[in-house]
C-alpha atoms as a PDB file:
ATOM      1  CA  ALA A   1       7.222   8.503   4.659  1.00  0.00           C
ATOM      2  CA  THR A   2       6.755   6.344   7.708  1.00  0.00           C
ATOM      3  CA  CYS A   3       4.119   3.644   8.044  1.00  0.00           C
ATOM      4  CA  VAL A   4       2.004   4.002  11.158  1.00  0.00           C
ATOM      5  CA  CYS A   5       0.516   0.598  11.960  1.00  0.00           C
ATOM      6  CA  LEU A   6      -2.706   0.142  13.839  1.00  0.00           C
ATOM      7  CA  ASN A   7      -2.228  -1.254  17.346  1.00  0.00           C
ATOM      8  CA  GLN A   8      -3.566  -4.731  16.689  1.00  0.00           C
ATOM      9  CA  GLY A   9      -1.681  -7.874  17.651  1.00  0.00           C
ATOM     10  CA  SER A  10       1.944  -8.255  18.623  1.00  0.00           C
ATOM     11  CA  LEU A  11       4.623  -5.979  17.244  1.00  0.00           C
ATOM     12  CA  GLU A  12       5.856  -8.841  15.065  1.00  0.00           C
ATOM     13  CA  ASP A  13       2.347  -9.294  13.635  1.00  0.00           C
ATOM     14  CA  GLN A  14       2.052  -5.560  12.953  1.00  0.00           C
ATOM     15  CA  ILE A  15       5.348  -5.514  11.042  1.00  0.00           C
ATOM     16  CA  ILE A  16       4.268  -8.470   8.924  1.00  0.00           C
ATOM     17  CA  ALA A  17       0.774  -7.023   8.381  1.00  0.00           C
ATOM     18  CA  ALA A  18       2.227  -3.729   7.147  1.00  0.00           C
ATOM     19  CA  ASN A  19       3.729  -5.319   4.026  1.00  0.00           C
ATOM     20  CA  PRO A  20       0.478  -6.084   2.143  1.00  0.00           C
ATOM     21  CA  LEU A  21      -0.799  -2.588   2.924  1.00  0.00           C
ATOM     22  CA  LEU A  22       2.427  -1.014   1.647  1.00  0.00           C
ATOM     23  CA  GLU A  23       2.261  -3.173  -1.480  1.00  0.00           C
ATOM     24  CA  SER A  24      -1.309  -2.056  -2.143  1.00  0.00           C
ATOM     25  CA  TYR A  25      -0.236   1.580  -2.085  1.00  0.00           C
ATOM     26  CA  GLY A  26       3.085   1.070  -3.870  1.00  0.00           C
ATOM     27  CA  ASN A  27       2.688  -1.821  -6.312  1.00  0.00           C
ATOM     28  CA  ALA A  28       1.013  -1.837  -9.701  1.00  0.00           C
ATOM     29  CA  LYS A  29       0.514  -4.013 -12.753  1.00  0.00           C
ATOM     30  CA  THR A  30       3.147  -3.424 -15.435  1.00  0.00           C
ATOM     31  CA  VAL A  31       3.691  -5.110 -18.784  1.00  0.00           C
ATOM     32  CA  ARG A  32       6.320  -7.427 -17.259  1.00  0.00           C
ATOM     33  CA  ASN A  33       4.972  -7.997 -13.745  1.00  0.00           C
ATOM     34  CA  ASP A  34       1.422  -8.054 -12.344  1.00  0.00           C
ATOM     35  CA  ASN A  35       2.705  -7.029  -8.888  1.00  0.00           C
ATOM     36  CA  SER A  36       5.590  -4.686  -9.630  1.00  0.00           C
ATOM     37  CA  SER A  37       6.956  -2.629  -6.748  1.00  0.00           C
ATOM     38  CA  ARG A  38       7.006   1.042  -7.745  1.00  0.00           C
ATOM     39  CA  PHE A  39       8.702   2.239  -4.537  1.00  0.00           C
ATOM     40  CA  GLY A  40      11.463   1.344  -2.125  1.00  0.00           C
ATOM     41  CA  LYS A  41      11.149   0.555   1.540  1.00  0.00           C
ATOM     42  CA  PHE A  42      13.583   0.300   4.407  1.00  0.00           C
ATOM     43  CA  ILE A  43      12.625  -1.529   7.584  1.00  0.00           C
ATOM     44  CA  ARG A  44      14.629  -0.634  10.681  1.00  0.00           C
ATOM     45  CA  ILE A  45      14.117  -3.022  13.581  1.00  0.00           C
ATOM     46  CA  HIS A  46      15.076  -1.950  17.117  1.00  0.00           C
ATOM     47  CA  PHE A  47      15.865  -4.410  19.884  1.00  0.00           C
ATOM     48  CA  GLN A  48      16.075  -3.796  23.614  1.00  0.00           C
ATOM     49  CA  ALA A  49      17.484  -6.411  25.983  1.00  0.00           C
ATOM     50  CA  GLY A  50      17.446  -8.933  23.137  1.00  0.00           C
ATOM     51  CA  LYS A  51      13.753  -8.444  22.355  1.00  0.00           C
ATOM     52  CA  LEU A  52      11.990  -6.656  19.545  1.00  0.00           C
ATOM     53  CA  ALA A  53      11.086  -3.204  20.854  1.00  0.00           C
ATOM     54  CA  LYS A  54      10.189  -1.073  17.842  1.00  0.00           C
ATOM     55  CA  ALA A  55      10.230  -0.936  14.056  1.00  0.00           C
ATOM     56  CA  ASP A  56      10.267   1.913  11.566  1.00  0.00           C
ATOM     57  CA  ILE A  57       9.284   1.470   7.947  1.00  0.00           C
ATOM     58  CA  GLU A  58      10.416   4.209   5.612  1.00  0.00           C
ATOM     59  CA  THR A  59       9.249   4.393   2.025  1.00  0.00           C
ATOM     60  CA  TYR A  60      10.977   6.285  -0.751  1.00  0.00           C
ATOM     61  CA  LEU A  61      11.123   6.747  -4.528  1.00  0.00           C
ATOM     62  CA  LEU A  62       7.388   6.256  -5.101  1.00  0.00           C
ATOM     63  CA  GLU A  63       6.585   6.488  -8.811  1.00  0.00           C
ATOM     64  CA  LYS A  64       4.187   9.433  -8.418  1.00  0.00           C
ATOM     65  CA  SER A  65       3.415   9.793 -12.123  1.00  0.00           C
ATOM     66  CA  ARG A  66       1.609   6.429 -12.045  1.00  0.00           C
ATOM     67  CA  VAL A  67      -1.219   8.017 -10.041  1.00  0.00           C
ATOM     68  CA  SER A  68      -2.362  10.013 -13.066  1.00  0.00           C
ATOM     69  CA  PHE A  69      -0.817   8.196 -16.050  1.00  0.00           C
ATOM     70  CA  GLN A  70      -0.070   4.625 -17.044  1.00  0.00           C
ATOM     71  CA  LEU A  71       1.364   3.175 -20.225  1.00  0.00           C
ATOM     72  CA  PRO A  72      -0.906   0.955 -22.354  1.00  0.00           C
ATOM     73  CA  ASP A  73      -1.568  -2.444 -20.725  1.00  0.00           C
ATOM     74  CA  GLU A  74      -0.445  -1.130 -17.311  1.00  0.00           C
ATOM     75  CA  ARG A  75      -2.528  -0.043 -14.331  1.00  0.00           C
ATOM     76  CA  GLY A  76      -2.499   2.359 -11.422  1.00  0.00           C
ATOM     77  CA  TYR A  77      -1.696   1.311  -7.889  1.00  0.00           C
ATOM     78  CA  HIS A  78      -3.479  -1.768  -6.547  1.00  0.00           C
ATOM     79  CA  ILE A  79      -5.174   0.122  -3.708  1.00  0.00           C
ATOM     80  CA  PHE A  80      -7.458   2.010  -6.107  1.00  0.00           C
ATOM     81  CA  PHE A  81      -8.848  -1.253  -7.471  1.00  0.00           C
ATOM     82  CA  GLN A  82      -8.935  -3.027  -4.107  1.00  0.00           C
ATOM     83  CA  MET A  83     -10.920  -0.236  -2.478  1.00  0.00           C
ATOM     84  CA  MET A  84     -13.468  -0.144  -5.267  1.00  0.00           C
ATOM     85  CA  THR A  85     -13.877  -3.876  -5.854  1.00  0.00           C
ATOM     86  CA  GLY A  86     -13.514  -5.183  -2.305  1.00  0.00           C
ATOM     87  CA  HIS A  87     -11.069  -7.898  -3.442  1.00  0.00           C
ATOM     88  CA  LYS A  88      -8.998  -7.417  -0.278  1.00  0.00           C
ATOM     89  CA  PRO A  89     -11.480  -6.577   2.472  1.00  0.00           C
ATOM     90  CA  GLU A  90      -8.789  -6.649   5.174  1.00  0.00           C
ATOM     91  CA  LEU A  91      -6.916  -3.871   3.362  1.00  0.00           C
ATOM     92  CA  VAL A  92     -10.063  -1.928   2.608  1.00  0.00           C
ATOM     93  CA  GLY A  93     -10.991  -1.982   6.295  1.00  0.00           C
ATOM     94  CA  THR A  94      -7.552  -0.704   7.275  1.00  0.00           C
ATOM     95  CA  ALA A  95      -7.537   1.893   4.508  1.00  0.00           C
ATOM     96  CA  ASN A  96     -10.981   3.139   5.506  1.00  0.00           C
ATOM     97  CA  LYS A  97      -9.685   3.758   9.040  1.00  0.00           C
ATOM     98  CA  LEU A  98      -6.845   5.864   7.645  1.00  0.00           C
ATOM     99  CA  PHE A  99      -8.553   7.582   4.701  1.00  0.00           C
ATOM    100  CA  PRO A 100     -12.058   8.798   3.815  1.00  0.00           C
ATOM    101  CA  PRO A 101     -14.234   6.858   1.342  1.00  0.00           C
ATOM    102  CA  PRO A 102     -13.387   7.382  -2.353  1.00  0.00           C
ATOM    103  CA  SER A 103     -14.892  10.330  -4.173  1.00  0.00           C
ATOM    104  CA  VAL A 104     -16.888  10.226  -7.398  1.00  0.00           C
ATOM    105  CA  GLU A 105     -13.786  11.538  -9.178  1.00  0.00           C
ATOM    106  CA  LEU A 106     -11.713   8.603  -7.913  1.00  0.00           C
ATOM    107  CA  VAL A 107     -14.350   6.137  -9.063  1.00  0.00           C
ATOM    108  CA  GLU A 108     -14.311   7.734 -12.519  1.00  0.00           C
ATOM    109  CA  TYR A 109     -10.493   7.639 -12.585  1.00  0.00           C
ATOM    110  CA  ILE A 110     -10.414   3.942 -11.720  1.00  0.00           C
ATOM    111  CA  HIS A 111     -13.023   3.163 -14.343  1.00  0.00           C
ATOM    112  CA  SER A 112     -11.009   5.027 -16.994  1.00  0.00           C
ATOM    113  CA  THR A 113      -7.780   3.109 -16.206  1.00  0.00           C
ATOM    114  CA  HIS A 114      -9.286  -0.368 -16.054  1.00  0.00           C
END
């Protein structure tokens, strides 16, 4: 998968701003780590004439089973909780531009895993 950043700020700012969004979608609470990365990412930075020209962020190996099942004392991906609780309004605003509001089923799922 490739991250498509919103055109806000400099390219450097967009690359930096992509990380918290990627972590929201790919990190989760585990027994050993409250912010455990459950995916890999590769950032390719392109330069032209010595200046930053472009960046690609590729994600891979996402732990898909975590969407529907977690071990005891673990949680689903952070984004589910952040969207519902509003704890990270900057991510919720970005997510709402990319995805529709959560359904009743998603709300019930989040409640059942909390």
